[in-house]
Amino acid sequence: MNANKIKKNEIIQIPPFLKWAGGKRWLVDKHNTLFPKDYDRYIEPFLGSGAVFFHLQPRKAILADANARLIETYAQIRDNGEKVLSALRRHHRNHNSEYYYKERACQRRAPAERAAQFIYMNRTCFNGLYRVNLKGEFNVPIGTKTDVVLGTDDFPTVGAALKNATLISQDFAQTLADAGAGDFVYIDPPYTVNHKYNGFLKYNEKIFSWKDQVRLRDCVISAIERGATVIVSNADHTSIRELYDGVGTMKCLSRASVIAGNSENRGTVDELLIVSDLADA
C-alpha cells in the first residue's frame, strides 16, 4: 500500500502557521481534488506557507525555498518547537509599535530565537509580506495585527508533520533536478509575467525574473520527462500561457485577492494551473 494513501479521517488538518503572499489556502480548501492521491514522494521547491504540504501531509517530502530564514524557521519548529513557542510568547507580551521596530532591527543569534522572530514579524508586519533591502535586512513596516500567539498554533503537530521531510534552502533548479518517477511536484513560484506589470509583479521581478520563469519551465519539462507528476501554479497571463504551451493541461481558477494595500484594488483574481498529463489522468 502506498505510503500516501491515508484515510481522510486519519489526518489531523494543519493550518499554515505563516501568512505568505500568494499562499494557497484557497486552493486546498476549494480545489483539493486536483492533487494526486498516489505518489511516493512530495517535492515543493517554493515552500512559502506550505499550505499544500500541510494539507497533503505526505510521509516523505523534500521542502525547499531560496529564503534561508524561512527554511530555518520550519526546521526549528520541527526540532525546537517549545523554545520557539516560548520566545513567541515573549514577543506576544511585549508587542507594540516601539517593540516591533526594535525587534526588527535586532539580529538574533540562537536559531530558535531567529525562528520566533521570523514568525513574530510575519504575524505583525504589514500584510504578512516578506521583503528585505539591498543589505538583506527585513524592512516591512508594522501592520494592524496584534495577535502574536494564535489559538491555532500547534507546533508539536506541525513538527510531527515535518519529521520525515528534508528541509533545504536552495535554488529551485537544484530541487527539481532530483524529481522523477514516483514523485509529485507542486510548484508555486513568484508570479512574475512578461510585458505587463502591476506593483506586486514589479516587486517580484526583483527576486524572480522572467529569465527565472523560463528556467523554471525548462526544469518542469525535464521533471515530467523523467516521470514526475507536476502541478504548477502561476499567473493567468498570456505570457505564462505561451511559455507553458504544450507542457500540460491548463486550468483557470478564480480566487479572492486580499494582498493589495488598498481595499479598492481587492477583488477576484484568476490564477493558472499547469497540470502534467500524469496528474490530470
C-alpha atoms as a PDB file:
ATOM      1  CA  MET A   1       0.000   0.000   0.000  1.00  0.00           C
ATOM      2  CA  ASN A   2       1.363   3.422  -0.981  1.00  0.00           C
ATOM      3  CA  ALA A   3       2.583   5.484   1.981  1.00  0.00           C
ATOM      4  CA  ASN A   4       0.469   8.466   0.940  1.00  0.00           C
ATOM      5  CA  LYS A   5      -2.828   6.545   0.712  1.00  0.00           C
ATOM      6  CA  ILE A   6      -4.154   7.607   4.100  1.00  0.00           C
ATOM      7  CA  LYS A   7      -7.792   7.769   5.013  1.00  0.00           C
ATOM      8  CA  LYS A   8      -9.025  11.327   5.408  1.00  0.00           C
ATOM      9  CA  ASN A   9     -10.193  10.801   8.982  1.00  0.00           C
ATOM     10  CA  GLU A  10      -6.692   9.697   9.969  1.00  0.00           C
ATOM     11  CA  ILE A  11      -5.206  13.091   9.084  1.00  0.00           C
ATOM     12  CA  ILE A  12      -5.270  15.969  11.545  1.00  0.00           C
ATOM     13  CA  GLN A  13      -5.716  19.059   9.410  1.00  0.00           C
ATOM     14  CA  ILE A  14      -2.937  21.585   9.993  1.00  0.00           C
ATOM     15  CA  PRO A  15      -3.448  25.241   9.070  1.00  0.00           C
ATOM     16  CA  PRO A  16      -0.259  27.037   7.929  1.00  0.00           C
ATOM     17  CA  PHE A  17       1.298  28.995  10.796  1.00  0.00           C
ATOM     18  CA  LEU A  18       2.631  31.683   8.421  1.00  0.00           C
ATOM     19  CA  LYS A  19       0.825  34.196   6.243  1.00  0.00           C
ATOM     20  CA  TRP A  20       2.521  34.358   2.858  1.00  0.00           C
ATOM     21  CA  ALA A  21       1.967  36.404  -0.285  1.00  0.00           C
ATOM     22  CA  GLY A  22       0.428  34.060  -2.826  1.00  0.00           C
ATOM     23  CA  GLY A  23      -0.392  31.449  -0.164  1.00  0.00           C
ATOM     24  CA  LYS A  24      -2.505  28.520  -1.317  1.00  0.00           C
ATOM     25  CA  ARG A  25      -5.030  28.019   1.491  1.00  0.00           C
ATOM     26  CA  TRP A  26      -7.769  28.855  -1.010  1.00  0.00           C
ATOM     27  CA  LEU A  27      -6.500  26.170  -3.375  1.00  0.00           C
ATOM     28  CA  VAL A  28      -6.543  23.335  -0.839  1.00  0.00           C
ATOM     29  CA  ASP A  29      -9.895  24.494   0.554  1.00  0.00           C
ATOM     30  CA  LYS A  30     -11.707  24.662  -2.791  1.00  0.00           C
ATOM     31  CA  HIS A  31      -9.766  22.518  -5.251  1.00  0.00           C
ATOM     32  CA  ASN A  32      -8.151  19.721  -3.244  1.00  0.00           C
ATOM     33  CA  THR A  33      -9.371  17.067  -5.712  1.00  0.00           C
ATOM     34  CA  LEU A  34      -6.814  18.309  -8.226  1.00  0.00           C
ATOM     35  CA  PHE A  35      -3.966  16.772  -6.235  1.00  0.00           C
ATOM     36  CA  PRO A  36      -2.946  13.173  -6.977  1.00  0.00           C
ATOM     37  CA  LYS A  37      -3.587  10.529  -4.332  1.00  0.00           C
ATOM     38  CA  ASP A  38      -0.912   8.035  -5.337  1.00  0.00           C
ATOM     39  CA  TYR A  39       2.769   9.023  -5.214  1.00  0.00           C
ATOM     40  CA  ASP A  40       5.901   8.027  -3.329  1.00  0.00           C
ATOM     41  CA  ARG A  41       7.435  11.402  -2.527  1.00  0.00           C
ATOM     42  CA  TYR A  42       6.270  15.014  -2.419  1.00  0.00           C
ATOM     43  CA  ILE A  43       8.563  17.808  -3.659  1.00  0.00           C
ATOM     44  CA  GLU A  44       7.964  21.543  -3.282  1.00  0.00           C
ATOM     45  CA  PRO A  45      10.704  23.976  -4.414  1.00  0.00           C
ATOM     46  CA  PHE A  46       8.880  27.194  -3.344  1.00  0.00           C
ATOM     47  CA  LEU A  47       7.627  26.300   0.136  1.00  0.00           C
ATOM     48  CA  GLY A  48       6.216  29.617   1.371  1.00  0.00           C
ATOM     49  CA  SER A  49       3.496  28.947   3.950  1.00  0.00           C
ATOM     50  CA  GLY A  50       3.361  25.271   2.982  1.00  0.00           C
ATOM     51  CA  ALA A  51      -0.432  25.145   2.606  1.00  0.00           C
ATOM     52  CA  VAL A  52      -0.374  22.274   0.117  1.00  0.00           C
ATOM     53  CA  PHE A  53       2.182  20.290   2.129  1.00  0.00           C
ATOM     54  CA  PHE A  54       0.210  20.651   5.363  1.00  0.00           C
ATOM     55  CA  HIS A  55      -2.978  19.657   3.553  1.00  0.00           C
ATOM     56  CA  LEU A  56      -1.490  16.527   1.975  1.00  0.00           C
ATOM     57  CA  GLN A  57       0.834  15.615   4.854  1.00  0.00           C
ATOM     58  CA  PRO A  58       2.929  13.202   2.767  1.00  0.00           C
ATOM     59  CA  ARG A  59       5.028  10.607   4.553  1.00  0.00           C
ATOM     60  CA  LYS A  60       8.130  11.607   2.573  1.00  0.00           C
ATOM     61  CA  ALA A  61       8.942  15.070   1.232  1.00  0.00           C
ATOM     62  CA  ILE A  62      11.597  17.473   0.015  1.00  0.00           C
ATOM     63  CA  LEU A  63      10.664  21.020   1.017  1.00  0.00           C
ATOM     64  CA  ALA A  64      12.832  23.814  -0.315  1.00  0.00           C
ATOM     65  CA  ASP A  65      12.913  27.563  -0.711  1.00  0.00           C
ATOM     66  CA  ALA A  66      15.517  30.174  -1.615  1.00  0.00           C
ATOM     67  CA  ASN A  67      14.637  32.014   1.611  1.00  0.00           C
ATOM     68  CA  ALA A  68      17.070  30.552   4.153  1.00  0.00           C
ATOM     69  CA  ARG A  69      15.326  32.221   7.114  1.00  0.00           C
ATOM     70  CA  LEU A  70      12.048  30.591   6.104  1.00  0.00           C
ATOM     71  CA  ILE A  71      13.583  27.123   5.902  1.00  0.00           C
ATOM     72  CA  GLU A  72      15.371  27.635   9.216  1.00  0.00           C
ATOM     73  CA  THR A  73      12.039  28.537  10.818  1.00  0.00           C
ATOM     74  CA  TYR A  74      10.454  25.282   9.671  1.00  0.00           C
ATOM     75  CA  ALA A  75      13.471  23.318  10.910  1.00  0.00           C
ATOM     76  CA  GLN A  76      13.289  24.971  14.327  1.00  0.00           C
ATOM     77  CA  ILE A  77       9.557  24.312  14.643  1.00  0.00           C
ATOM     78  CA  ARG A  78      10.368  20.659  13.957  1.00  0.00           C
ATOM     79  CA  ASP A  79      13.428  20.388  16.203  1.00  0.00           C
ATOM     80  CA  ASN A  80      12.924  23.038  18.924  1.00  0.00           C
ATOM     81  CA  GLY A  81       9.221  23.812  18.929  1.00  0.00           C
ATOM     82  CA  GLU A  82       8.987  24.524  22.670  1.00  0.00           C
ATOM     83  CA  LYS A  83      11.844  27.041  22.563  1.00  0.00           C
ATOM     84  CA  VAL A  84      10.276  28.780  19.574  1.00  0.00           C
ATOM     85  CA  LEU A  85       6.890  28.976  21.297  1.00  0.00           C
ATOM     86  CA  SER A  86       8.457  30.321  24.495  1.00  0.00           C
ATOM     87  CA  ALA A  87      10.177  33.124  22.575  1.00  0.00           C
ATOM     88  CA  LEU A  88       6.996  33.816  20.618  1.00  0.00           C
ATOM     89  CA  ARG A  89       5.060  34.234  23.864  1.00  0.00           C
ATOM     90  CA  ARG A  90       7.622  36.811  24.963  1.00  0.00           C
ATOM     91  CA  HIS A  91       7.028  38.748  21.743  1.00  0.00           C
ATOM     92  CA  HIS A  92       3.294  38.493  22.348  1.00  0.00           C
ATOM     93  CA  ARG A  93       3.609  40.026  25.824  1.00  0.00           C
ATOM     94  CA  ASN A  94       5.847  42.863  24.644  1.00  0.00           C
ATOM     95  CA  HIS A  95       4.296  43.712  21.294  1.00  0.00           C
ATOM     96  CA  ASN A  96       3.713  47.356  20.471  1.00  0.00           C
ATOM     97  CA  SER A  97       4.998  49.694  17.772  1.00  0.00           C
ATOM     98  CA  GLU A  98       8.218  50.619  19.585  1.00  0.00           C
ATOM     99  CA  TYR A  99       8.985  46.978  20.388  1.00  0.00           C
ATOM    100  CA  TYR A 100       8.253  45.889  16.788  1.00  0.00           C
ATOM    101  CA  TYR A 101      10.801  48.242  15.239  1.00  0.00           C
ATOM    102  CA  LYS A 102      13.374  47.494  17.914  1.00  0.00           C
ATOM    103  CA  GLU A 103      12.955  43.757  17.294  1.00  0.00           C
ATOM    104  CA  ARG A 104      13.016  44.244  13.527  1.00  0.00           C
ATOM    105  CA  ALA A 105      16.465  45.800  13.837  1.00  0.00           C
ATOM    106  CA  CYS A 106      17.724  43.087  16.197  1.00  0.00           C
ATOM    107  CA  GLN A 107      19.897  40.257  14.864  1.00  0.00           C
ATOM    108  CA  ARG A 108      19.136  37.182  16.925  1.00  0.00           C
ATOM    109  CA  ARG A 109      21.900  34.605  17.219  1.00  0.00           C
ATOM    110  CA  ALA A 110      20.161  31.471  18.504  1.00  0.00           C
ATOM    111  CA  PRO A 111      18.284  29.566  15.750  1.00  0.00           C
ATOM    112  CA  ALA A 112      15.113  29.143  17.873  1.00  0.00           C
ATOM    113  CA  GLU A 113      15.123  32.875  18.655  1.00  0.00           C
ATOM    114  CA  ARG A 114      15.549  33.694  14.956  1.00  0.00           C
ATOM    115  CA  ALA A 115      12.621  31.419  14.116  1.00  0.00           C
ATOM    116  CA  ALA A 116      10.378  33.075  16.717  1.00  0.00           C
ATOM    117  CA  GLN A 117      11.430  36.489  15.435  1.00  0.00           C
ATOM    118  CA  PHE A 118      10.576  35.427  11.885  1.00  0.00           C
ATOM    119  CA  ILE A 119       7.090  34.299  12.931  1.00  0.00           C
ATOM    120  CA  TYR A 120       6.574  37.427  15.055  1.00  0.00           C
ATOM    121  CA  MET A 121       7.451  39.698  12.129  1.00  0.00           C
ATOM    122  CA  ASN A 122       5.268  37.681   9.779  1.00  0.00           C
ATOM    123  CA  ARG A 123       2.237  37.968  12.040  1.00  0.00           C
ATOM    124  CA  THR A 124       2.542  41.643  12.911  1.00  0.00           C
ATOM    125  CA  CYS A 125       4.063  43.265   9.819  1.00  0.00           C
ATOM    126  CA  PHE A 126       2.033  44.832   7.002  1.00  0.00           C
ATOM    127  CA  ASN A 127       0.042  42.138   5.153  1.00  0.00           C
ATOM    128  CA  GLY A 128       2.456  39.389   6.175  1.00  0.00           C
ATOM    129  CA  LEU A 129       4.875  40.442   3.425  1.00  0.00           C
ATOM    130  CA  TYR A 130       8.485  39.289   3.412  1.00  0.00           C
ATOM    131  CA  ARG A 131      10.758  41.946   1.940  1.00  0.00           C
ATOM    132  CA  VAL A 132      14.389  42.821   2.538  1.00  0.00           C
ATOM    133  CA  ASN A 133      16.520  45.788   1.477  1.00  0.00           C
ATOM    134  CA  LEU A 134      19.781  45.624  -0.500  1.00  0.00           C
ATOM    135  CA  LYS A 135      21.621  44.758   2.724  1.00  0.00           C
ATOM    136  CA  GLY A 136      19.341  41.781   3.273  1.00  0.00           C
ATOM    137  CA  GLU A 137      17.559  43.451   6.195  1.00  0.00           C
ATOM    138  CA  PHE A 138      13.834  42.871   6.735  1.00  0.00           C
ATOM    139  CA  ASN A 139      12.178  46.255   6.201  1.00  0.00           C
ATOM    140  CA  VAL A 140       8.386  45.788   6.182  1.00  0.00           C
ATOM    141  CA  PRO A 141       6.537  48.293   8.407  1.00  0.00           C
ATOM    142  CA  ILE A 142       4.266  47.277  11.252  1.00  0.00           C
ATOM    143  CA  GLY A 143       0.741  46.194  10.340  1.00  0.00           C
ATOM    144  CA  THR A 144      -2.571  46.224  12.186  1.00  0.00           C
ATOM    145  CA  LYS A 145      -2.497  42.665  13.581  1.00  0.00           C
ATOM    146  CA  THR A 146      -1.668  42.387  17.287  1.00  0.00           C
ATOM    147  CA  ASP A 147      -2.012  38.642  17.908  1.00  0.00           C
ATOM    148  CA  VAL A 148       1.400  37.003  18.043  1.00  0.00           C
ATOM    149  CA  VAL A 149       0.428  33.666  19.598  1.00  0.00           C
ATOM    150  CA  LEU A 150      -2.618  32.208  17.863  1.00  0.00           C
ATOM    151  CA  GLY A 151      -5.241  29.768  19.074  1.00  0.00           C
ATOM    152  CA  THR A 152      -4.490  27.589  16.042  1.00  0.00           C
ATOM    153  CA  ASP A 153      -0.796  27.213  16.964  1.00  0.00           C
ATOM    154  CA  ASP A 154       0.069  23.551  17.399  1.00  0.00           C
ATOM    155  CA  PHE A 155       3.811  23.323  16.947  1.00  0.00           C
ATOM    156  CA  PRO A 156       4.078  19.678  18.121  1.00  0.00           C
ATOM    157  CA  THR A 157       1.692  18.595  15.348  1.00  0.00           C
ATOM    158  CA  VAL A 158       3.452  20.815  12.808  1.00  0.00           C
ATOM    159  CA  GLY A 159       6.791  19.392  13.916  1.00  0.00           C
ATOM    160  CA  ALA A 160       5.499  15.831  13.604  1.00  0.00           C
ATOM    161  CA  ALA A 161       4.320  16.520  10.042  1.00  0.00           C
ATOM    162  CA  LEU A 162       7.815  17.781   9.201  1.00  0.00           C
ATOM    163  CA  LYS A 163       9.725  14.878  10.781  1.00  0.00           C
ATOM    164  CA  ASN A 164      10.131  12.920   7.562  1.00  0.00           C
ATOM    165  CA  ALA A 165      10.699  15.959   5.361  1.00  0.00           C
ATOM    166  CA  THR A 166      14.065  17.115   4.058  1.00  0.00           C
ATOM    167  CA  LEU A 167      14.247  20.899   4.523  1.00  0.00           C
ATOM    168  CA  ILE A 168      16.750  22.730   2.361  1.00  0.00           C
ATOM    169  CA  SER A 169      17.382  26.283   1.151  1.00  0.00           C
ATOM    170  CA  GLN A 170      18.472  26.275  -2.465  1.00  0.00           C
ATOM    171  CA  ASP A 171      17.587  27.358  -5.991  1.00  0.00           C
ATOM    172  CA  PHE A 172      14.557  25.632  -7.480  1.00  0.00           C
ATOM    173  CA  ALA A 173      16.649  24.057 -10.250  1.00  0.00           C
ATOM    174  CA  GLN A 174      18.625  22.058  -7.699  1.00  0.00           C
ATOM    175  CA  THR A 175      15.423  20.820  -6.080  1.00  0.00           C
ATOM    176  CA  LEU A 176      13.723  19.881  -9.333  1.00  0.00           C
ATOM    177  CA  ALA A 177      16.805  18.097 -10.653  1.00  0.00           C
ATOM    178  CA  ASP A 178      16.011  15.312  -8.175  1.00  0.00           C
ATOM    179  CA  ALA A 179      12.390  14.851  -9.306  1.00  0.00           C
ATOM    180  CA  GLY A 180      11.454  11.735 -11.239  1.00  0.00           C
ATOM    181  CA  ALA A 181       9.168   8.716 -11.403  1.00  0.00           C
ATOM    182  CA  GLY A 182       7.014   8.294  -8.304  1.00  0.00           C
ATOM    183  CA  ASP A 183       7.308  11.952  -7.282  1.00  0.00           C
ATOM    184  CA  PHE A 184       4.523  14.514  -7.076  1.00  0.00           C
ATOM    185  CA  VAL A 185       5.916  18.015  -7.519  1.00  0.00           C
ATOM    186  CA  TYR A 186       3.907  21.113  -6.627  1.00  0.00           C
ATOM    187  CA  ILE A 187       5.437  24.362  -7.868  1.00  0.00           C
ATOM    188  CA  ASP A 188       4.234  27.809  -6.795  1.00  0.00           C
ATOM    189  CA  PRO A 189       6.780  30.446  -7.888  1.00  0.00           C
ATOM    190  CA  PRO A 190       6.500  34.223  -7.507  1.00  0.00           C
ATOM    191  CA  TYR A 191       4.085  35.451 -10.146  1.00  0.00           C
ATOM    192  CA  THR A 192       6.343  37.400 -12.496  1.00  0.00           C
ATOM    193  CA  VAL A 193       4.991  37.801 -16.033  1.00  0.00           C
ATOM    194  CA  ASN A 194       6.407  39.247 -19.236  1.00  0.00           C
ATOM    195  CA  HIS A 195       5.333  42.615 -20.718  1.00  0.00           C
ATOM    196  CA  LYS A 196       2.578  43.590 -18.255  1.00  0.00           C
ATOM    197  CA  TYR A 197       3.320  44.634 -14.680  1.00  0.00           C
ATOM    198  CA  ASN A 198       1.488  45.853 -11.620  1.00  0.00           C
ATOM    199  CA  GLY A 199       3.130  46.808  -8.310  1.00  0.00           C
ATOM    200  CA  PHE A 200       3.194  43.265  -6.961  1.00  0.00           C
ATOM    201  CA  LEU A 201       4.725  41.897 -10.167  1.00  0.00           C
ATOM    202  CA  LYS A 202       7.322  44.679 -10.298  1.00  0.00           C
ATOM    203  CA  TYR A 203       8.401  43.685  -6.798  1.00  0.00           C
ATOM    204  CA  ASN A 204       8.610  40.021  -7.790  1.00  0.00           C
ATOM    205  CA  GLU A 205      10.702  40.875 -10.868  1.00  0.00           C
ATOM    206  CA  LYS A 206      13.469  41.886  -8.466  1.00  0.00           C
ATOM    207  CA  ILE A 207      13.512  38.473  -6.791  1.00  0.00           C
ATOM    208  CA  PHE A 208      12.243  36.221  -9.594  1.00  0.00           C
ATOM    209  CA  SER A 209      12.857  37.464 -13.129  1.00  0.00           C
ATOM    210  CA  TRP A 210      11.294  36.449 -16.409  1.00  0.00           C
ATOM    211  CA  LYS A 211      14.526  34.539 -17.146  1.00  0.00           C
ATOM    212  CA  ASP A 212      13.823  32.580 -13.947  1.00  0.00           C
ATOM    213  CA  GLN A 213      10.341  31.779 -15.254  1.00  0.00           C
ATOM    214  CA  VAL A 214      11.855  30.397 -18.447  1.00  0.00           C
ATOM    215  CA  ARG A 215      14.424  28.428 -16.432  1.00  0.00           C
ATOM    216  CA  LEU A 216      11.621  27.033 -14.297  1.00  0.00           C
ATOM    217  CA  ARG A 217       9.604  25.966 -17.357  1.00  0.00           C
ATOM    218  CA  ASP A 218      12.616  24.065 -18.664  1.00  0.00           C
ATOM    219  CA  CYS A 219      13.048  22.326 -15.292  1.00  0.00           C
ATOM    220  CA  VAL A 220       9.356  21.390 -15.275  1.00  0.00           C
ATOM    221  CA  ILE A 221       9.625  19.798 -18.724  1.00  0.00           C
ATOM    222  CA  SER A 222      12.685  17.816 -17.635  1.00  0.00           C
ATOM    223  CA  ALA A 223      10.952  16.581 -14.454  1.00  0.00           C
ATOM    224  CA  ILE A 224       7.901  15.454 -16.445  1.00  0.00           C
ATOM    225  CA  GLU A 225      10.131  13.670 -18.959  1.00  0.00           C
ATOM    226  CA  ARG A 226      11.741  11.789 -16.049  1.00  0.00           C
ATOM    227  CA  GLY A 227       8.283  10.597 -14.971  1.00  0.00           C
ATOM    228  CA  ALA A 228       7.316  13.076 -12.235  1.00  0.00           C
ATOM    229  CA  THR A 229       3.729  14.229 -11.764  1.00  0.00           C
ATOM    230  CA  VAL A 230       3.790  18.034 -11.746  1.00  0.00           C
ATOM    231  CA  ILE A 231       1.340  20.831 -10.966  1.00  0.00           C
ATOM    232  CA  VAL A 232       2.442  24.453 -11.429  1.00  0.00           C
ATOM    233  CA  SER A 233       0.546  27.464 -10.090  1.00  0.00           C
ATOM    234  CA  ASN A 234       1.152  30.721 -11.917  1.00  0.00           C
ATOM    235  CA  ALA A 235      -0.398  33.974 -13.074  1.00  0.00           C
ATOM    236  CA  ASP A 236      -3.143  33.593 -15.673  1.00  0.00           C
ATOM    237  CA  HIS A 237      -1.395  35.788 -18.204  1.00  0.00           C
ATOM    238  CA  THR A 238      -0.808  35.455 -21.930  1.00  0.00           C
ATOM    239  CA  SER A 239       2.958  35.279 -21.485  1.00  0.00           C
ATOM    240  CA  ILE A 240       2.639  32.387 -18.993  1.00  0.00           C
ATOM    241  CA  ARG A 241       0.188  30.518 -21.233  1.00  0.00           C
ATOM    242  CA  GLU A 242       2.576  30.914 -24.157  1.00  0.00           C
ATOM    243  CA  LEU A 243       5.526  29.833 -22.016  1.00  0.00           C
ATOM    244  CA  TYR A 244       3.817  26.580 -20.958  1.00  0.00           C
ATOM    245  CA  ASP A 245       2.072  25.871 -24.253  1.00  0.00           C
ATOM    246  CA  GLY A 246       2.190  22.103 -24.842  1.00  0.00           C
ATOM    247  CA  VAL A 247       3.594  21.305 -21.388  1.00  0.00           C
ATOM    248  CA  GLY A 248       0.341  20.128 -19.794  1.00  0.00           C
ATOM    249  CA  THR A 249      -3.334  20.850 -19.285  1.00  0.00           C
ATOM    250  CA  MET A 250      -4.125  24.440 -18.273  1.00  0.00           C
ATOM    251  CA  LYS A 251      -6.857  25.163 -15.744  1.00  0.00           C
ATOM    252  CA  CYS A 252      -8.058  28.669 -14.847  1.00  0.00           C
ATOM    253  CA  LEU A 253      -9.110  29.058 -11.212  1.00  0.00           C
ATOM    254  CA  SER A 254     -10.573  32.130  -9.509  1.00  0.00           C
ATOM    255  CA  ARG A 255      -9.714  33.293  -6.012  1.00  0.00           C
ATOM    256  CA  ALA A 256     -10.307  36.320  -3.807  1.00  0.00           C
ATOM    257  CA  SER A 257      -7.480  38.861  -3.750  1.00  0.00           C
ATOM    258  CA  VAL A 258      -6.577  40.098  -0.251  1.00  0.00           C
ATOM    259  CA  ILE A 259      -2.960  41.209  -0.580  1.00  0.00           C
ATOM    260  CA  ALA A 260      -3.491  44.668  -2.068  1.00  0.00           C
ATOM    261  CA  GLY A 261      -2.842  47.521   0.349  1.00  0.00           C
ATOM    262  CA  ASN A 262      -5.829  49.476  -0.980  1.00  0.00           C
ATOM    263  CA  SER A 263      -9.115  47.654  -0.387  1.00  0.00           C
ATOM    264  CA  GLU A 264     -10.442  49.112  -3.663  1.00  0.00           C
ATOM    265  CA  ASN A 265      -7.884  47.021  -5.528  1.00  0.00           C
ATOM    266  CA  ARG A 266      -9.045  43.805  -3.906  1.00  0.00           C
ATOM    267  CA  GLY A 267     -11.419  41.565  -5.799  1.00  0.00           C
ATOM    268  CA  THR A 268     -11.397  38.339  -7.783  1.00  0.00           C
ATOM    269  CA  VAL A 269      -8.191  37.175  -9.434  1.00  0.00           C
ATOM    270  CA  ASP A 270      -7.708  34.377 -11.939  1.00  0.00           C
ATOM    271  CA  GLU A 271      -4.800  32.009 -11.465  1.00  0.00           C
ATOM    272  CA  LEU A 272      -3.474  29.377 -13.819  1.00  0.00           C
ATOM    273  CA  LEU A 273      -2.674  25.761 -13.008  1.00  0.00           C
ATOM    274  CA  ILE A 274      -0.483  23.820 -15.423  1.00  0.00           C
ATOM    275  CA  VAL A 275      -1.150  20.138 -14.778  1.00  0.00           C
ATOM    276  CA  SER A 276       1.055  17.434 -16.267  1.00  0.00           C
ATOM    277  CA  ASP A 277      -0.680  14.624 -18.119  1.00  0.00           C
ATOM    278  CA  LEU A 278       0.087  12.157 -15.308  1.00  0.00           C
ATOM    279  CA  ALA A 279      -1.543  14.467 -12.718  1.00  0.00           C
ATOM    280  CA  ASP A 280      -4.508  15.064 -14.995  1.00  0.00           C
ATOM    281  CA  ALA A 281      -5.157  11.378 -15.596  1.00  0.00           C
END
